[in-house]
Amino acid sequence: MTAVELAGITKRFPGVVANHDIHLTVRKGTVHALVGENGAGKSTLMKILYGMQKPDEGTIATDGEQVTFSSPADAIARGIGMVHQHFMLADNLTVLENVVLGSEKLYGIGARARRRIKEISERYGLGVRPDVLVEELGVAARQRVEILKVLYRGARTLILDEPTAVLVPQEVDALFDNLRELKSEGLSVIFISHKLGEVLSVADEITVIRRGTTVGTAVPAETTPRQLAELMVGSELPTPETAESTVTDRAVLTVDTLRLAAPGGKALLDDISFTIHAGEVLGIAGVEGNGQTELVDALIGLRHADSGTIRFLDQDITALPTRKRREQGVGYIPEDRHRHGLLLEAPLWENRILGHVTEKPNSKGVWLDPKGSQEDTRRIVETYDVRTPGIDVTAASLSGGNQQKLIVGREMSHKPRFLIAAHPTRGVDVGAQAAIWDHIREARREGLAVLLISADLDELIGLSDTLRVIYDGRLVADADPAAVTPEELGSAMTGAASGHLEHEEPPGDDGSGAGGAEDDDGSGAGGAEDGDGSGAGEAGGDGGPGAEKIPGDAGRGVDKTPGDAGSGAEGEAR
């Protein structure tokens, strides 16, 4: 039986065809993966299925009946629910209040609603507690609440957009158990992911989209990550692995006993100390919400520390404003490109100026230099492969990956001495990801010091020279990237391990399985922001015994076999 069928879907935007003659059939009781490079059109397609956008051509059928959706309410009424990558929850409300919000007519807002929530939670193994405040929940628990929300509204087909982007490996395994439970109850799941290892382990069928149209389908049991990657982008996946060390003994950034407290006195950062040398990438691993954002804000000057010092090139910059730090050579790739990296309704050349208003080529003395900025924007577009009709289009018209490449090009163009890279490849596909990694590696060879924060553990392990783990605002563990697995990092990220993380082989194991330290040190690429990226993906070692090292998702499962490598791409043209 078919749950959903899309036939001949075409969607055009000014200057770009996001979807062209796309066909997708999702059977009942299956997990159907949708993969493709950023800008391929996946998110546009899902927005059409969820009623957020109308197709210019083509038909949608649910349960064999042709339908037309004018809004998400129409899609929900036909049993289609969507869990967005950015959770749509109100922190100051309880789980129950979030779930019933907007659907009060279904089961009321009291005892009946609570019973229904508990019933769904127990039926699908979601472990949701109705009376807990959402602000007290971790990201994995919030995701389960989002899944419960759509089930509460009667969804029989769930769209999950990058559901594993912010989860540690143990939480990914738990999510997959939930999906198998949903599948066993006859529900259908459309699974959008960057990580091919995850796709191959959880999906029953795979549809591949390239440049806005379907190019093929695959059966996981008969497909390797390499074949899937070639279907998606026509080439092998890149790896974040960095072979040579370029670390010097010249300290570029030194943070000493930094402390930052919330208005109520709770420590957001507590006793943070580290040094980053020229040519060194320091990776910070941690579940989102454990102080990474506050650390970045303190380093760039958006928040001022309550105590401690920040020294940059032997100068105390603890009290310096953001502009002064930028002028002295601090580059910044923000974790949220829409809020902190771009003016979405401004043209590309104006976005080129952001953060560097007083610097050439954007200014001459006290005056802005629009012509200089426009000329340099054209150079960035060409050098960093920003796919755009021109520099006068708005940043909002670019896919997420192209937005990210514009930001990376802007920051690297000023030859920073220290770069804060927060989720630099989130939401970008294989091509763009490889390019961003290459630019970081090249600058590192020339002496750039980098603070790398990423939800993608394979990216952290592959690019970093040194690894630290942040938990509840403190640096609780450190590790050698060459000898640690994603699972071991994941344990420290959830507070289950601390100190120096050393890989210990299980008895009788030769180090080749379960994310062995040797082959399992590079790859994968992770999170997308809003699924509308463009241009890059992931890669990595598979760690199977005697296995050829293929691009993939290093260490995402416990039983590492040669076929369990992951990667992928995500996003769409707007």
Protein backbone atom coordinates (compact mmCIF):
# COMPACT_ATOMS: atom_id res chain seq x y z
CA MET A 1 0.00 0.00 0.00
CA THR A 2 1.21 3.49 -0.87
CA ALA A 3 1.13 6.15 1.85
CA VAL A 4 2.26 9.12 -0.24
CA GLU A 5 2.93 9.54 -3.94
CA LEU A 6 4.37 12.65 -5.58
CA ALA A 7 4.28 12.70 -9.39
CA GLY A 8 5.83 15.22 -11.77
CA ILE A 9 6.40 17.85 -9.06
CA THR A 10 7.90 21.05 -10.47
CA LYS A 11 8.55 24.24 -8.49
CA ARG A 12 10.15 27.39 -9.89
CA PHE A 13 11.53 30.43 -8.13
CA PRO A 14 12.96 33.58 -9.80
CA GLY A 15 16.17 32.52 -11.49
CA VAL A 16 16.08 28.88 -10.34
CA VAL A 17 14.08 25.68 -10.83
CA ALA A 18 14.08 24.08 -7.37
CA ASN A 19 12.17 20.93 -8.38
CA HIS A 20 11.74 19.51 -11.87
CA ASP A 21 9.51 16.51 -12.61
CA ILE A 22 10.21 14.82 -9.26
CA HIS A 23 8.66 11.43 -8.53
CA LEU A 24 8.54 9.94 -5.03
CA THR A 25 6.56 6.96 -3.74
CA VAL A 26 6.51 6.13 -0.01
CA ARG A 27 5.00 2.80 1.05
CA LYS A 28 3.11 2.34 4.29
CA GLY A 29 5.10 0.94 7.20
CA THR A 30 8.51 1.92 5.79
CA VAL A 31 11.31 4.38 6.41
CA HIS A 32 12.00 6.13 3.10
CA ALA A 33 15.20 8.16 2.95
CA LEU A 34 15.53 11.24 0.78
CA VAL A 35 19.13 12.18 0.01
CA GLY A 36 20.89 14.60 -2.31
CA GLU A 37 23.43 17.39 -2.33
CA ASN A 38 22.53 20.80 -0.95
CA GLY A 39 20.57 22.79 -3.45
CA ALA A 40 19.17 19.52 -4.83
CA GLY A 41 15.63 20.49 -3.84
CA LYS A 42 14.81 18.13 -0.96
CA SER A 43 13.53 20.72 1.49
CA THR A 44 11.46 22.45 -1.19
CA LEU A 45 9.88 19.10 -2.01
CA MET A 46 9.05 18.44 1.63
CA LYS A 47 7.60 21.93 2.05
CA ILE A 48 5.31 21.16 -0.89
CA LEU A 49 4.24 17.86 0.68
CA TYR A 50 3.60 19.61 4.01
CA GLY A 51 1.52 22.36 2.41
CA MET A 52 4.02 25.18 3.05
CA GLN A 53 4.43 25.80 -0.69
CA LYS A 54 2.35 24.98 -3.75
CA PRO A 55 3.82 23.13 -6.73
CA ASP A 56 3.69 24.77 -10.16
CA GLU A 57 3.12 21.37 -11.75
CA GLY A 58 2.49 17.80 -10.60
CA THR A 59 0.20 15.93 -8.24
CA ILE A 60 0.17 14.71 -4.63
CA ALA A 61 -1.71 11.59 -3.56
CA THR A 62 -2.21 10.21 -0.03
CA ASP A 63 -3.66 6.76 0.51
CA GLY A 64 -4.33 6.56 -3.23
CA GLU A 65 -6.42 9.75 -3.32
CA GLN A 66 -5.24 12.88 -5.14
CA VAL A 67 -5.13 15.91 -2.84
CA THR A 68 -4.29 19.62 -2.90
CA PHE A 69 -2.70 21.32 0.11
CA SER A 70 -3.07 25.05 0.73
CA SER A 71 -1.47 25.04 4.20
CA PRO A 72 0.17 22.71 6.73
CA ALA A 73 -3.27 22.37 8.34
CA ASP A 74 -4.49 20.62 5.18
CA ALA A 75 -1.49 18.25 5.26
CA ILE A 76 -2.02 17.49 8.96
CA ALA A 77 -5.68 16.74 8.26
CA ARG A 78 -4.52 14.12 5.73
CA GLY A 79 -2.18 12.51 8.25
CA ILE A 80 1.13 14.15 7.28
CA GLY A 81 3.31 15.64 10.03
CA MET A 82 6.73 17.28 9.90
CA VAL A 83 9.46 17.47 12.53
CA HIS A 84 11.62 20.44 11.55
CA GLN A 85 15.32 20.46 12.22
CA HIS A 86 14.90 23.55 14.37
CA PHE A 87 12.45 22.51 17.03
CA MET A 88 9.20 24.48 17.27
CA LEU A 89 8.82 24.36 21.06
CA ALA A 90 8.19 27.05 23.68
CA ASP A 91 10.80 26.68 26.44
CA ASN A 92 8.63 28.24 29.14
CA LEU A 93 5.74 25.79 28.62
CA THR A 94 5.44 22.18 29.75
CA VAL A 95 5.57 19.25 27.36
CA LEU A 96 1.79 18.86 27.63
CA GLU A 97 1.20 22.55 26.88
CA ASN A 98 3.49 22.42 23.85
CA VAL A 99 1.80 19.31 22.49
CA VAL A 100 -1.79 20.59 22.80
CA LEU A 101 -0.98 24.13 21.61
CA GLY A 102 -3.08 24.76 18.51
CA SER A 103 -4.88 21.41 18.83
CA GLU A 104 -6.93 22.03 21.95
CA LYS A 105 -10.09 20.76 20.24
CA LEU A 106 -8.72 17.23 19.92
CA TYR A 107 -8.47 16.13 23.57
CA GLY A 108 -8.82 19.35 25.52
CA ILE A 109 -5.99 20.69 27.67
CA GLY A 110 -6.32 18.61 30.83
CA ALA A 111 -6.68 14.98 31.90
CA ARG A 112 -7.78 13.63 28.48
CA ALA A 113 -4.82 15.26 26.76
CA ARG A 114 -2.42 13.94 29.42
CA ARG A 115 -3.79 10.40 29.03
CA ARG A 116 -3.44 10.59 25.26
CA ILE A 117 0.15 11.85 25.50
CA LYS A 118 1.09 9.05 27.89
CA GLU A 119 -0.63 6.50 25.68
CA ILE A 120 1.29 7.61 22.56
CA SER A 121 4.55 7.84 24.51
CA GLU A 122 4.22 4.29 25.84
CA ARG A 123 3.01 2.86 22.54
CA TYR A 124 6.02 4.10 20.58
CA GLY A 125 8.63 4.00 23.37
CA LEU A 126 9.16 7.77 23.38
CA GLY A 127 9.56 8.17 27.17
CA VAL A 128 7.93 11.63 27.22
CA ARG A 129 6.93 13.20 30.57
CA PRO A 130 3.94 15.57 30.11
CA ASP A 131 4.53 17.90 33.05
CA VAL A 132 8.21 18.74 32.59
CA LEU A 133 9.18 22.21 31.35
CA VAL A 134 10.69 22.04 27.87
CA GLU A 135 13.60 24.26 28.97
CA GLU A 136 14.71 21.40 31.26
CA LEU A 137 14.95 18.90 28.40
CA GLY A 138 18.00 17.99 26.35
CA VAL A 139 17.93 18.00 22.56
CA ALA A 140 17.13 14.29 22.22
CA ALA A 141 14.15 14.59 24.59
CA ARG A 142 12.93 17.68 22.74
CA GLN A 143 13.07 15.78 19.49
CA ARG A 144 10.90 13.03 20.97
CA VAL A 145 8.41 15.69 22.05
CA GLU A 146 8.30 16.98 18.47
CA ILE A 147 7.65 13.46 17.20
CA LEU A 148 4.92 13.00 19.79
CA LYS A 149 3.39 16.34 18.75
CA VAL A 150 2.79 15.18 15.18
CA LEU A 151 1.55 11.75 16.34
CA TYR A 152 -0.86 13.50 18.71
CA ARG A 153 -2.36 15.28 15.70
CA GLY A 154 -2.96 11.94 13.98
CA ALA A 155 0.01 11.81 11.60
CA ARG A 156 0.49 8.53 9.75
CA THR A 157 3.36 9.84 7.61
CA LEU A 158 6.20 11.68 9.40
CA ILE A 159 8.75 13.91 7.68
CA LEU A 160 11.99 14.11 9.72
CA ASP A 161 14.37 16.84 8.51
CA GLU A 162 17.95 16.13 9.59
CA PRO A 163 16.78 14.42 12.80
CA THR A 164 20.27 13.31 13.90
CA ALA A 165 22.10 16.60 13.32
CA VAL A 166 22.36 17.52 17.02
CA LEU A 167 22.41 14.03 18.56
CA VAL A 168 25.37 12.09 19.95
CA PRO A 169 25.80 8.50 18.69
CA GLN A 170 23.97 6.91 21.63
CA GLU A 171 20.99 9.20 21.05
CA VAL A 172 20.99 8.35 17.34
CA ASP A 173 20.64 4.65 18.23
CA ALA A 174 17.70 5.45 20.52
CA LEU A 175 16.02 7.51 17.78
CA PHE A 176 16.37 4.65 15.31
CA ASP A 177 14.71 2.33 17.84
CA ASN A 178 11.80 4.82 17.96
CA LEU A 179 11.58 4.86 14.16
CA ARG A 180 11.49 1.08 13.99
CA GLU A 181 8.68 1.12 16.54
CA LEU A 182 6.72 3.60 14.42
CA LYS A 183 7.32 1.46 11.34
CA SER A 184 6.11 -1.69 13.08
CA GLU A 185 2.83 0.10 13.84
CA GLY A 186 2.29 0.77 10.14
CA LEU A 187 3.43 4.40 10.09
CA SER A 188 5.63 5.80 7.32
CA VAL A 189 8.70 7.97 7.82
CA ILE A 190 10.42 10.22 5.27
CA PHE A 191 13.98 10.56 6.57
CA ILE A 192 16.19 13.42 5.34
CA SER A 193 19.80 13.05 6.45
CA HIS A 194 23.36 14.11 5.70
CA LYS A 195 24.82 10.87 6.97
CA LEU A 196 24.81 7.98 4.54
CA GLY A 197 25.77 5.41 7.19
CA GLU A 198 22.61 6.29 9.09
CA VAL A 199 20.51 6.26 5.94
CA LEU A 200 21.75 2.80 4.98
CA SER A 201 21.18 1.42 8.48
CA VAL A 202 17.63 2.68 9.06
CA ALA A 203 15.98 3.11 5.63
CA ASP A 204 13.98 0.54 3.68
CA GLU A 205 14.19 2.52 0.46
CA ILE A 206 16.21 5.52 -0.72
CA THR A 207 15.36 8.16 -3.30
CA VAL A 208 18.22 10.30 -4.63
CA ILE A 209 17.70 13.85 -5.88
CA ARG A 210 20.28 15.75 -7.89
CA ARG A 211 19.91 19.30 -9.22
CA GLY A 212 16.18 19.37 -8.56
CA THR A 213 15.13 16.07 -10.09
CA THR A 214 15.06 12.41 -9.08
CA VAL A 215 18.02 10.51 -10.48
CA GLY A 216 17.33 7.11 -8.99
CA THR A 217 16.23 4.91 -6.12
CA ALA A 218 18.28 2.46 -4.10
CA VAL A 219 17.74 -0.50 -1.80
CA PRO A 220 20.08 -0.21 1.22
CA ALA A 221 20.93 -3.91 1.31
CA GLU A 222 22.25 -3.69 -2.26
CA THR A 223 23.99 -0.31 -2.01
CA THR A 224 27.32 0.91 -0.67
CA PRO A 225 27.99 4.42 0.65
CA ARG A 226 30.27 5.04 -2.32
CA GLN A 227 27.55 4.15 -4.83
CA LEU A 228 25.08 6.36 -3.01
CA ALA A 229 27.52 9.26 -2.92
CA GLU A 230 28.19 8.96 -6.63
CA LEU A 231 24.45 8.97 -7.33
CA MET A 232 24.10 12.13 -5.27
CA VAL A 233 27.02 14.21 -6.49
CA GLY A 234 28.77 12.19 -9.16
CA SER A 235 31.94 11.85 -7.12
CA GLU A 236 33.45 10.27 -4.03
CA LEU A 237 32.90 11.83 -0.67
CA PRO A 238 35.60 14.03 0.85
CA THR A 239 37.20 13.33 4.18
CA PRO A 240 37.99 15.90 6.88
CA GLU A 241 41.12 13.95 7.76
CA THR A 242 44.23 16.09 8.20
CA ALA A 243 47.44 14.12 7.75
CA GLU A 244 50.24 16.50 8.65
CA SER A 245 50.61 18.52 11.84
CA THR A 246 51.21 22.25 11.45
CA VAL A 247 51.03 23.16 15.15
CA THR A 248 53.71 25.60 16.29
CA ASP A 249 54.73 26.79 19.76
CA ARG A 250 53.45 30.35 19.17
CA ALA A 251 50.39 31.02 21.29
CA VAL A 252 47.75 32.98 19.37
CA LEU A 253 44.81 32.84 21.77
CA THR A 254 45.03 32.16 25.50
CA VAL A 255 41.90 31.92 27.64
CA ASP A 256 42.49 31.83 31.40
CA THR A 257 39.87 30.89 34.03
CA LEU A 258 37.04 32.48 32.06
CA ARG A 259 33.71 32.68 33.87
CA LEU A 260 30.37 33.91 32.59
CA ALA A 261 27.18 33.82 34.66
CA ALA A 262 23.50 34.16 33.79
CA PRO A 263 21.53 37.01 35.42
CA GLY A 264 20.37 34.64 38.18
CA GLY A 265 23.96 33.71 39.02
CA LYS A 266 24.11 30.28 37.35
CA ALA A 267 27.49 29.72 35.71
CA LEU A 268 27.16 29.47 31.93
CA LEU A 269 30.94 29.16 31.63
CA ASP A 270 33.04 28.09 34.60
CA ASP A 271 36.83 28.06 34.85
CA ILE A 272 37.44 27.80 31.08
CA SER A 273 41.15 27.73 30.21
CA PHE A 274 42.91 26.76 26.98
CA THR A 275 45.57 27.94 24.52
CA ILE A 276 45.44 27.73 20.73
CA HIS A 277 48.73 27.97 18.85
CA ALA A 278 49.46 29.15 15.32
CA GLY A 279 48.65 26.34 12.89
CA GLU A 280 46.45 24.52 15.43
CA VAL A 281 42.78 23.52 15.26
CA LEU A 282 41.26 23.10 18.73
CA GLY A 283 37.99 21.18 18.51
CA ILE A 284 35.26 21.60 21.12
CA ALA A 285 32.79 18.70 21.38
CA GLY A 286 29.57 18.97 23.34
CA VAL A 287 25.83 18.50 23.20
CA GLU A 288 24.33 21.81 22.12
CA GLY A 289 23.36 24.05 25.02
CA ASN A 290 26.34 23.27 27.26
CA GLY A 291 28.13 26.59 26.91
CA GLN A 292 29.44 26.56 23.34
CA THR A 293 27.36 29.58 22.30
CA GLU A 294 28.38 31.54 25.39
CA LEU A 295 32.06 30.71 24.78
CA VAL A 296 31.87 31.96 21.20
CA ASP A 297 30.03 35.12 22.32
CA ALA A 298 32.72 35.82 24.93
CA LEU A 299 35.56 35.33 22.43
CA ILE A 300 34.03 37.56 19.75
CA GLY A 301 32.95 40.20 22.29
CA LEU A 302 29.16 39.83 22.18
CA ARG A 303 29.20 39.04 25.91
CA HIS A 304 31.72 40.19 28.48
CA ALA A 305 33.10 37.68 30.95
CA ASP A 306 32.50 38.15 34.68
CA SER A 307 36.07 37.08 35.41
CA GLY A 308 39.12 35.64 33.69
CA THR A 309 41.15 36.90 30.75
CA ILE A 310 41.34 36.50 26.97
CA ARG A 311 44.73 37.24 25.38
CA PHE A 312 45.15 37.49 21.60
CA LEU A 313 48.68 37.75 20.23
CA ASP A 314 49.95 38.72 23.71
CA GLN A 315 47.40 41.51 24.08
CA ASP A 316 44.61 41.44 26.67
CA ILE A 317 41.40 41.78 24.64
CA THR A 318 39.00 40.82 27.45
CA ALA A 319 37.41 44.27 27.48
CA LEU A 320 37.76 45.11 23.77
CA PRO A 321 34.57 45.63 21.73
CA THR A 322 33.77 43.28 18.89
CA ARG A 323 34.85 45.67 16.12
CA LYS A 324 38.33 46.08 17.59
CA ARG A 325 38.75 42.32 17.86
CA ARG A 326 37.68 41.91 14.25
CA GLU A 327 40.09 44.59 13.05
CA GLN A 328 42.96 42.90 14.88
CA GLY A 329 42.42 39.62 13.03
CA VAL A 330 39.61 37.60 14.63
CA GLY A 331 37.47 35.81 12.02
CA TYR A 332 33.99 34.54 12.84
CA ILE A 333 31.83 31.88 11.17
CA PRO A 334 28.66 31.99 13.33
CA GLU A 335 26.62 28.94 14.30
CA ASP A 336 23.39 30.59 13.11
CA ARG A 337 24.09 32.19 9.76
CA HIS A 338 20.64 33.76 9.54
CA ARG A 339 20.76 35.52 12.92
CA HIS A 340 24.44 36.41 13.14
CA GLY A 341 25.99 36.00 9.71
CA LEU A 342 23.79 37.62 7.10
CA LEU A 343 21.24 40.31 6.33
CA LEU A 344 18.86 38.06 4.42
CA GLU A 345 17.04 40.81 2.54
CA ALA A 346 20.23 42.66 1.58
CA PRO A 347 22.21 41.96 -1.63
CA LEU A 348 25.30 39.77 -1.52
CA TRP A 349 27.73 42.67 -1.86
CA GLU A 350 26.29 44.39 1.21
CA ASN A 351 26.63 41.13 3.14
CA ARG A 352 30.28 41.13 2.07
CA ILE A 353 30.73 44.28 4.20
CA LEU A 354 29.28 42.85 7.43
CA GLY A 355 31.80 42.62 10.27
CA HIS A 356 34.46 44.38 8.21
CA VAL A 357 32.93 47.82 7.68
CA THR A 358 36.15 49.71 8.49
CA GLU A 359 38.48 47.47 6.46
CA LYS A 360 39.54 47.39 2.83
CA PRO A 361 38.10 46.76 0.27
CA ASN A 362 34.87 47.84 1.96
CA SER A 363 36.00 51.31 2.96
CA LYS A 364 38.28 54.18 1.99
CA GLY A 365 39.13 56.16 5.09
CA VAL A 366 35.85 57.02 6.82
CA TRP A 367 33.76 56.31 3.71
CA LEU A 368 32.27 53.05 2.51
CA ASP A 369 33.51 51.87 -0.88
CA PRO A 370 30.58 50.11 -2.60
CA LYS A 371 32.52 49.52 -5.82
CA GLY A 372 35.39 47.88 -3.93
CA SER A 373 32.96 45.66 -2.02
CA GLN A 374 31.11 44.71 -5.22
CA GLU A 375 34.31 43.82 -7.02
CA ASP A 376 35.54 41.70 -4.12
CA THR A 377 32.16 39.98 -3.81
CA ARG A 378 32.50 38.84 -7.43
CA ARG A 379 35.93 37.41 -6.54
CA ILE A 380 34.48 35.56 -3.52
CA VAL A 381 31.60 34.19 -5.62
CA GLU A 382 34.09 32.78 -8.12
CA THR A 383 36.78 31.58 -5.68
CA TYR A 384 34.37 29.96 -3.23
CA ASP A 385 31.92 28.66 -5.85
CA VAL A 386 28.91 30.58 -4.52
CA ARG A 387 26.20 29.62 -6.98
CA THR A 388 24.17 32.75 -7.67
CA PRO A 389 22.77 34.61 -10.69
CA GLY A 390 24.68 37.72 -9.54
CA ILE A 391 25.86 39.79 -6.57
CA ASP A 392 22.73 41.96 -6.48
CA VAL A 393 20.37 39.13 -5.47
CA THR A 394 19.42 38.92 -1.80
CA ALA A 395 21.15 36.52 0.57
CA ALA A 396 17.73 34.94 1.25
CA SER A 397 17.56 33.78 -2.37
CA LEU A 398 20.62 31.54 -1.93
CA SER A 399 20.42 28.01 -0.64
CA GLY A 400 21.91 27.49 2.84
CA GLY A 401 25.16 26.00 1.60
CA ASN A 402 25.79 28.91 -0.76
CA GLN A 403 25.04 31.33 2.08
CA GLN A 404 27.65 29.48 4.14
CA LYS A 405 30.25 29.63 1.36
CA LEU A 406 29.70 33.39 1.10
CA ILE A 407 30.32 33.77 4.85
CA VAL A 408 33.45 31.58 4.75
CA GLY A 409 34.76 33.55 1.77
CA ARG A 410 34.12 36.85 3.53
CA GLU A 411 35.93 35.79 6.71
CA MET A 412 38.90 34.11 5.03
CA SER A 413 39.39 37.09 2.69
CA HIS A 414 40.65 39.20 5.59
CA LYS A 415 43.47 36.77 6.43
CA PRO A 416 42.48 36.25 10.08
CA ARG A 417 45.06 35.17 12.66
CA PHE A 418 42.37 33.43 14.74
CA LEU A 419 39.17 31.92 13.35
CA ILE A 420 36.09 30.99 15.37
CA ALA A 421 34.38 28.32 13.25
CA ALA A 422 31.03 27.34 14.78
CA HIS A 423 29.45 24.52 12.75
CA PRO A 424 31.25 25.65 9.56
CA THR A 425 29.73 22.92 7.35
CA ARG A 426 26.26 22.69 8.86
CA GLY A 427 23.73 22.50 6.07
CA VAL A 428 26.19 22.15 3.21
CA ASP A 429 26.63 19.25 0.83
CA VAL A 430 29.64 17.25 -0.32
CA GLY A 431 31.15 19.75 -2.74
CA ALA A 432 30.85 22.80 -0.49
CA GLN A 433 31.94 20.88 2.57
CA ALA A 434 35.10 19.69 0.87
CA ALA A 435 35.85 23.25 -0.24
CA ILE A 436 35.34 24.67 3.27
CA TRP A 437 37.57 21.98 4.80
CA ASP A 438 40.24 22.73 2.19
CA HIS A 439 40.15 26.46 2.95
CA ILE A 440 40.48 25.81 6.69
CA ARG A 441 43.35 23.36 6.15
CA GLU A 442 45.16 25.76 3.81
CA ALA A 443 44.86 28.67 6.25
CA ARG A 444 45.98 26.37 9.07
CA ARG A 445 49.14 25.55 7.10
CA GLU A 446 49.80 29.28 6.87
CA GLY A 447 49.58 29.67 10.65
CA LEU A 448 45.87 30.26 11.31
CA ALA A 449 44.67 29.29 14.79
CA VAL A 450 41.16 27.80 14.72
CA LEU A 451 38.55 27.14 17.39
CA LEU A 452 36.27 24.52 15.80
CA ILE A 453 32.86 23.86 17.32
CA SER A 454 30.76 21.22 15.57
CA ALA A 455 27.92 18.83 16.25
CA ASP A 456 29.54 16.46 13.75
CA LEU A 457 31.94 14.31 15.73
CA ASP A 458 33.62 12.94 12.61
CA GLU A 459 34.40 16.46 11.43
CA LEU A 460 35.83 17.32 14.87
CA ILE A 461 37.97 14.19 14.98
CA GLY A 462 39.16 14.61 11.39
CA LEU A 463 40.07 18.30 11.43
CA SER A 464 41.25 18.92 14.99
CA ASP A 465 44.78 18.76 16.35
CA THR A 466 43.47 18.84 19.93
CA LEU A 467 40.03 17.93 21.31
CA ARG A 468 38.26 19.20 24.42
CA VAL A 469 34.75 18.30 25.67
CA ILE A 470 32.44 20.92 27.16
CA TYR A 471 29.69 19.85 29.56
CA ASP A 472 27.50 22.14 31.64
CA GLY A 473 29.79 25.11 30.99
CA ARG A 474 33.04 23.36 31.97
CA LEU A 475 35.80 21.70 29.94
CA VAL A 476 35.56 18.21 31.42
CA ALA A 477 37.67 16.04 29.11
CA ASP A 478 40.39 16.08 26.49
CA ALA A 479 41.35 13.58 23.81
CA ASP A 480 43.82 12.84 21.05
CA PRO A 481 41.83 12.98 17.77
CA ALA A 482 43.95 10.15 16.35
CA ALA A 483 42.97 7.76 19.12
CA VAL A 484 39.37 8.52 20.07
CA THR A 485 36.08 7.29 18.63
CA PRO A 486 32.79 9.18 18.26
CA GLU A 487 31.25 6.88 20.88
CA GLU A 488 33.92 7.74 23.45
CA LEU A 489 33.44 11.44 22.75
CA GLY A 490 29.69 10.94 23.03
CA SER A 491 30.09 9.45 26.52
CA ALA A 492 32.01 12.50 27.72
CA MET A 493 29.50 14.84 26.04
CA THR A 494 26.68 13.36 28.11
CA GLY A 495 28.68 13.56 31.35
CA ALA A 496 29.42 9.84 31.58
CA ALA A 497 33.20 10.24 31.19
CA SER A 498 35.78 12.87 32.06
CA GLY A 499 39.53 13.49 32.18
CA HIS A 500 41.77 12.26 29.38
CA LEU A 501 39.87 9.96 27.01
CA GLU A 502 41.97 7.00 25.95
CA HIS A 503 40.70 4.39 23.54
CA GLU A 504 40.58 0.93 25.09
CA GLU A 505 40.18 -2.07 22.84
CA PRO A 506 37.65 -4.72 23.92
CA PRO A 507 39.25 -8.08 24.87
CA GLY A 508 40.20 -10.04 21.78
CA ASP A 509 39.55 -7.07 19.50
CA ASP A 510 42.26 -6.02 17.13
CA GLY A 511 41.06 -2.44 16.95
CA SER A 512 39.40 -2.81 13.58
CA GLY A 513 35.77 -2.95 14.66
CA ALA A 514 33.45 -0.80 16.73
CA GLY A 515 34.97 2.40 15.54
CA GLY A 516 38.61 1.29 15.79
CA ALA A 517 41.03 4.07 16.51
CA GLU A 518 43.10 3.55 13.41
CA ASP A 519 40.68 3.84 10.50
CA ASP A 520 37.90 5.53 12.39
CA ASP A 521 39.41 8.93 12.65
CA GLY A 522 38.04 10.90 9.85
CA SER A 523 34.84 11.87 8.35
CA GLY A 524 31.27 12.46 8.05
CA ALA A 525 29.59 15.71 7.92
CA GLY A 526 26.78 16.91 9.77
CA GLY A 527 23.97 19.12 10.62
CA ALA A 528 22.14 21.33 8.35
CA GLU A 529 20.52 24.36 9.47
CA ASP A 530 17.24 24.62 7.72
CA GLY A 531 17.79 22.07 5.07
CA ASP A 532 18.15 24.62 2.34
CA GLY A 533 21.84 24.41 1.93
CA SER A 534 24.01 24.04 -1.04
CA GLY A 535 27.18 22.45 -1.99
CA ALA A 536 28.88 19.95 0.47
CA GLY A 537 28.59 16.73 2.40
CA GLU A 538 30.72 14.43 4.41
CA ALA A 539 33.05 11.54 4.46
CA GLY A 540 35.06 9.29 6.58
CA GLY A 541 36.74 6.06 7.59
CA ASP A 542 34.66 2.96 8.12
CA GLY A 543 36.92 1.02 10.44
CA GLY A 544 35.84 -2.47 9.40
CA PRO A 545 38.31 -5.34 9.69
CA GLY A 546 40.52 -5.39 6.65
CA ALA A 547 38.10 -3.02 4.97
CA GLU A 548 39.01 -0.63 2.25
CA LYS A 549 38.84 2.86 3.73
CA ILE A 550 35.78 4.40 2.12
CA PRO A 551 34.12 7.72 2.74
CA GLY A 552 31.56 7.37 5.42
CA ASP A 553 30.22 8.06 8.82
CA ALA A 554 32.99 7.10 11.20
CA GLY A 555 31.89 5.25 14.26
CA ARG A 556 28.17 5.90 14.01
CA GLY A 557 27.25 2.36 15.00
CA VAL A 558 28.76 0.01 17.53
CA ASP A 559 29.11 -2.93 15.18
CA LYS A 560 31.33 -1.31 12.63
CA THR A 561 31.30 -3.22 9.35
CA PRO A 562 32.77 -2.25 6.02
CA GLY A 563 29.35 -1.22 4.74
CA ASP A 564 28.55 1.01 7.69
CA ALA A 565 30.10 4.17 6.46
CA GLY A 566 28.15 7.34 6.24
CA SER A 567 27.91 10.74 4.83
CA GLY A 568 25.70 12.59 2.56
CA ALA A 569 24.25 15.84 1.65
CA GLU A 570 21.28 17.89 2.45
CA GLY A 571 19.49 20.99 1.47
CA GLU A 572 17.69 22.51 -1.39
CA ALA A 573 17.39 25.47 -3.65
CA ARG A 574 15.04 28.03 -2.32
